[in-house]
Amino acid sequence: MHFFINFIDNPFFSIWKTLLILGIFFVLFGILVIYVPQILVAIIASILFLIGFILITMSLQIRNEEKRINRIHLL
């Protein structure tokens, strides 16, 4: 929390600069997608793969925790 407060109090920090950088990034990304639409397909496929992998990992961790809790209750 201390870092966040110092970051906001920093005189070089400004919301408009952050918004400007994000705006430029999204405009450039939009132009890139217009010229190379396969990039958008690759990004969406990567995101879906990552979400699927995270969900599988979470389900296995929850299953292991449930087994551990059930073993503790049986003792």
C-alpha atoms as a PDB file:
ATOM      1  CA  MET A   1       0.000   0.000   0.000  1.00  0.00           C
ATOM      2  CA  HIS A   2       2.900   2.321   0.769  1.00  0.00           C
ATOM      3  CA  PHE A   3       4.194   2.011  -2.813  1.00  0.00           C
ATOM      4  CA  PHE A   4       0.762   2.886  -4.218  1.00  0.00           C
ATOM      5  CA  ILE A   5       0.509   6.028  -2.087  1.00  0.00           C
ATOM      6  CA  ASN A   6       4.020   7.129  -3.112  1.00  0.00           C
ATOM      7  CA  PHE A   7       3.174   6.425  -6.742  1.00  0.00           C
ATOM      8  CA  ILE A   8       0.085   8.650  -6.628  1.00  0.00           C
ATOM      9  CA  ASP A   9       1.911  11.406  -4.714  1.00  0.00           C
ATOM     10  CA  ASN A  10       4.702  11.379  -7.301  1.00  0.00           C
ATOM     11  CA  PRO A  11       4.696  14.762  -9.102  1.00  0.00           C
ATOM     12  CA  PHE A  12       5.576  13.031 -12.393  1.00  0.00           C
ATOM     13  CA  PHE A  13       2.485  10.808 -12.217  1.00  0.00           C
ATOM     14  CA  SER A  14      -0.515  12.083 -14.076  1.00  0.00           C
ATOM     15  CA  ILE A  15      -3.752  10.377 -15.077  1.00  0.00           C
ATOM     16  CA  TRP A  16      -3.855  12.093 -18.453  1.00  0.00           C
ATOM     17  CA  LYS A  17      -0.412  10.711 -19.367  1.00  0.00           C
ATOM     18  CA  THR A  18      -1.550   7.185 -18.562  1.00  0.00           C
ATOM     19  CA  LEU A  19      -4.736   7.613 -20.585  1.00  0.00           C
ATOM     20  CA  LEU A  20      -2.766   9.082 -23.495  1.00  0.00           C
ATOM     21  CA  ILE A  21      -0.358   6.134 -23.555  1.00  0.00           C
ATOM     22  CA  LEU A  22      -3.236   3.624 -23.368  1.00  0.00           C
ATOM     23  CA  GLY A  23      -5.095   5.457 -26.145  1.00  0.00           C
ATOM     24  CA  ILE A  24      -2.041   5.424 -28.414  1.00  0.00           C
ATOM     25  CA  PHE A  25      -1.486   1.729 -27.670  1.00  0.00           C
ATOM     26  CA  PHE A  26      -5.085   0.787 -28.538  1.00  0.00           C
ATOM     27  CA  VAL A  27      -5.088   2.851 -31.735  1.00  0.00           C
ATOM     28  CA  LEU A  28      -1.830   1.217 -32.874  1.00  0.00           C
ATOM     29  CA  PHE A  29      -3.150  -2.220 -31.933  1.00  0.00           C
ATOM     30  CA  GLY A  30      -6.359  -1.524 -33.877  1.00  0.00           C
ATOM     31  CA  ILE A  31      -4.358  -0.525 -36.963  1.00  0.00           C
ATOM     32  CA  LEU A  32      -2.256  -3.674 -36.600  1.00  0.00           C
ATOM     33  CA  VAL A  33      -5.393  -5.845 -36.408  1.00  0.00           C
ATOM     34  CA  ILE A  34      -6.810  -4.174 -39.525  1.00  0.00           C
ATOM     35  CA  TYR A  35      -3.682  -5.008 -41.521  1.00  0.00           C
ATOM     36  CA  VAL A  36      -3.004  -8.426 -39.962  1.00  0.00           C
ATOM     37  CA  PRO A  37      -6.300  -9.905 -38.680  1.00  0.00           C
ATOM     38  CA  GLN A  38      -4.600 -13.229 -37.904  1.00  0.00           C
ATOM     39  CA  ILE A  39      -2.979 -11.514 -34.906  1.00  0.00           C
ATOM     40  CA  LEU A  40      -6.398 -11.046 -33.310  1.00  0.00           C
ATOM     41  CA  VAL A  41      -7.222 -14.702 -33.872  1.00  0.00           C
ATOM     42  CA  ALA A  42      -3.906 -15.749 -32.318  1.00  0.00           C
ATOM     43  CA  ILE A  43      -4.429 -13.494 -29.294  1.00  0.00           C
ATOM     44  CA  ILE A  44      -7.968 -14.756 -28.675  1.00  0.00           C
ATOM     45  CA  ALA A  45      -6.843 -18.370 -29.061  1.00  0.00           C
ATOM     46  CA  SER A  46      -3.987 -17.766 -26.610  1.00  0.00           C
ATOM     47  CA  ILE A  47      -6.326 -16.200 -24.068  1.00  0.00           C
ATOM     48  CA  LEU A  48      -8.788 -19.083 -24.350  1.00  0.00           C
ATOM     49  CA  PHE A  49      -5.974 -21.624 -23.948  1.00  0.00           C
ATOM     50  CA  LEU A  50      -4.659 -19.789 -20.884  1.00  0.00           C
ATOM     51  CA  ILE A  51      -8.114 -19.593 -19.296  1.00  0.00           C
ATOM     52  CA  GLY A  52      -8.668 -23.309 -19.927  1.00  0.00           C
ATOM     53  CA  PHE A  53      -5.292 -24.204 -18.409  1.00  0.00           C
ATOM     54  CA  ILE A  54      -5.969 -22.038 -15.343  1.00  0.00           C
ATOM     55  CA  LEU A  55      -9.409 -23.613 -14.834  1.00  0.00           C
ATOM     56  CA  ILE A  56      -7.996 -27.147 -15.076  1.00  0.00           C
ATOM     57  CA  THR A  57      -5.230 -26.279 -12.596  1.00  0.00           C
ATOM     58  CA  MET A  58      -7.712 -24.697 -10.185  1.00  0.00           C
ATOM     59  CA  SER A  59     -10.050 -27.698 -10.361  1.00  0.00           C
ATOM     60  CA  LEU A  60      -7.187 -30.090  -9.560  1.00  0.00           C
ATOM     61  CA  GLN A  61      -6.076 -27.950  -6.618  1.00  0.00           C
ATOM     62  CA  ILE A  62      -9.624 -27.797  -5.243  1.00  0.00           C
ATOM     63  CA  ARG A  63      -9.993 -31.566  -5.631  1.00  0.00           C
ATOM     64  CA  ASN A  64      -6.744 -32.124  -3.713  1.00  0.00           C
ATOM     65  CA  GLU A  65      -7.846 -29.761  -0.943  1.00  0.00           C
ATOM     66  CA  GLU A  66     -11.214 -31.509  -0.666  1.00  0.00           C
ATOM     67  CA  LYS A  67      -9.436 -34.866  -0.323  1.00  0.00           C
ATOM     68  CA  ARG A  68      -7.138 -33.417   2.334  1.00  0.00           C
ATOM     69  CA  ILE A  69     -10.058 -31.927   4.286  1.00  0.00           C
ATOM     70  CA  ASN A  70     -12.010 -35.213   4.098  1.00  0.00           C
ATOM     71  CA  ARG A  71      -8.974 -37.122   5.438  1.00  0.00           C
ATOM     72  CA  ILE A  72      -8.696 -34.703   8.353  1.00  0.00           C
ATOM     73  CA  HIS A  73     -12.402 -35.074   9.209  1.00  0.00           C
ATOM     74  CA  LEU A  74     -12.130 -38.867   9.166  1.00  0.00           C
ATOM     75  CA  LEU A  75      -9.367 -38.827  11.783  1.00  0.00           C
END
